[in-house]
Amino acid sequence: MLISQQEFIIMSLDLNLFFLRIMKEHCFFLEIGFTPRDRDLAEKAGILKQEFERLLCEATDLANGNVSRDLIDSHQAVTRFTLQAEKLTNFYTGIPFNFELTRREEDLHPVCSMPCDKLEDAVEKLNRKAFKLTGELAAFKENLLQCVRNCRVFTLNYPLLIEHILREARHFMQMLAMLCRRMDISGPREIICQVLFWNRQMAEHAKFIAGLLDPSEEALIKAARMFGKEFDELTEEAERAAKCTMDIAGVTAESREATERLRDFKATGTRGLLDCRIESIIIPLLGDHVLREANHFLCIMGKCCN
């Protein structure tokens, strides 16, 4: 069944507010991971970052009064840590951030007006621009991954992390393509597929955290590795569920409980990074980044678990 005009607008803006910031930050993480020899690749990542920021500004202009209460309450666009994480990351790297844009997102209000054809057209154009730009970033990530695995480029980012963020870019494009066809991205089948997708991402988040903590942080490393194993098992369960007809609430119940615990672990970790209480090579914005992704996943599961 096709979605209504209002559903299209709200789903599109919710999706863009979450993913455009995620893509912008992917560009940043790639940018700071290159050595001086590959400054051209760092510059390309920086240019893409700026283009995603411009699109995120456009999305934010359209979003006030046109996004869901779920988006705001879930803190998947911005969290209470985002602005501070950007400021500290700017201090560490010297790379500028648009703090005003983050403040504007903090002040967004949920849907309060009737949709109109003009707004629908603007959102349609935003979706198409986001799809095109994300495709360019996906191609950049794919080429980089091949170069890293063939030992033609060195980066401080794990090859699996590059694969991980490439997977997210393709997922964003898939959601945008569905919306352009006015398809529901929150239907029962779609939620099962997203549970499978995000369980895998949560497992890798935990493994990245374990690998980026200082070896002295033994308790945190142990906890992160336990989350990695737990989400590997949940991914396998979701794979089995995706292949047959199963109750959605039953499939997602375990994933939701585990994600809530991982979300809390990430929030505590992000706070620890901001307060200089955790020794690691985790840039503060990465902590907030993976926290927002956990919030996004919980919001998705809330559609079938509430």
Foldseek 3Di string as FASTA:
>chain_A
DFDDLLVLQQVLLLLLLQVLVLLLVVLVQQLVFFDPVVNVLSVVSVVLSVVSVVLNLLSLVLQAQRYAPLSLVLCLNHDPCQLLLQVQLCVVPVDDDDSVSVVSVNPGDYHDDDDDPVSSVSSLVSLVVLLVSLVVVLVSLVVVLVCVVVVNGDTPDDSVVSVLVSVVSVVSNVVSVCSNVRHDCQDLLNLLVVLLSVLQSQLVVLVVVLVFFDPVPPVSNVVSNVLNVVSVVLNVLSVVCNVDPDQLLVSCVVVLVSLVVSLVSLVVVLVCVSVVNTHGNDRSNVSRSVSSSSSVNNSSSVVRND
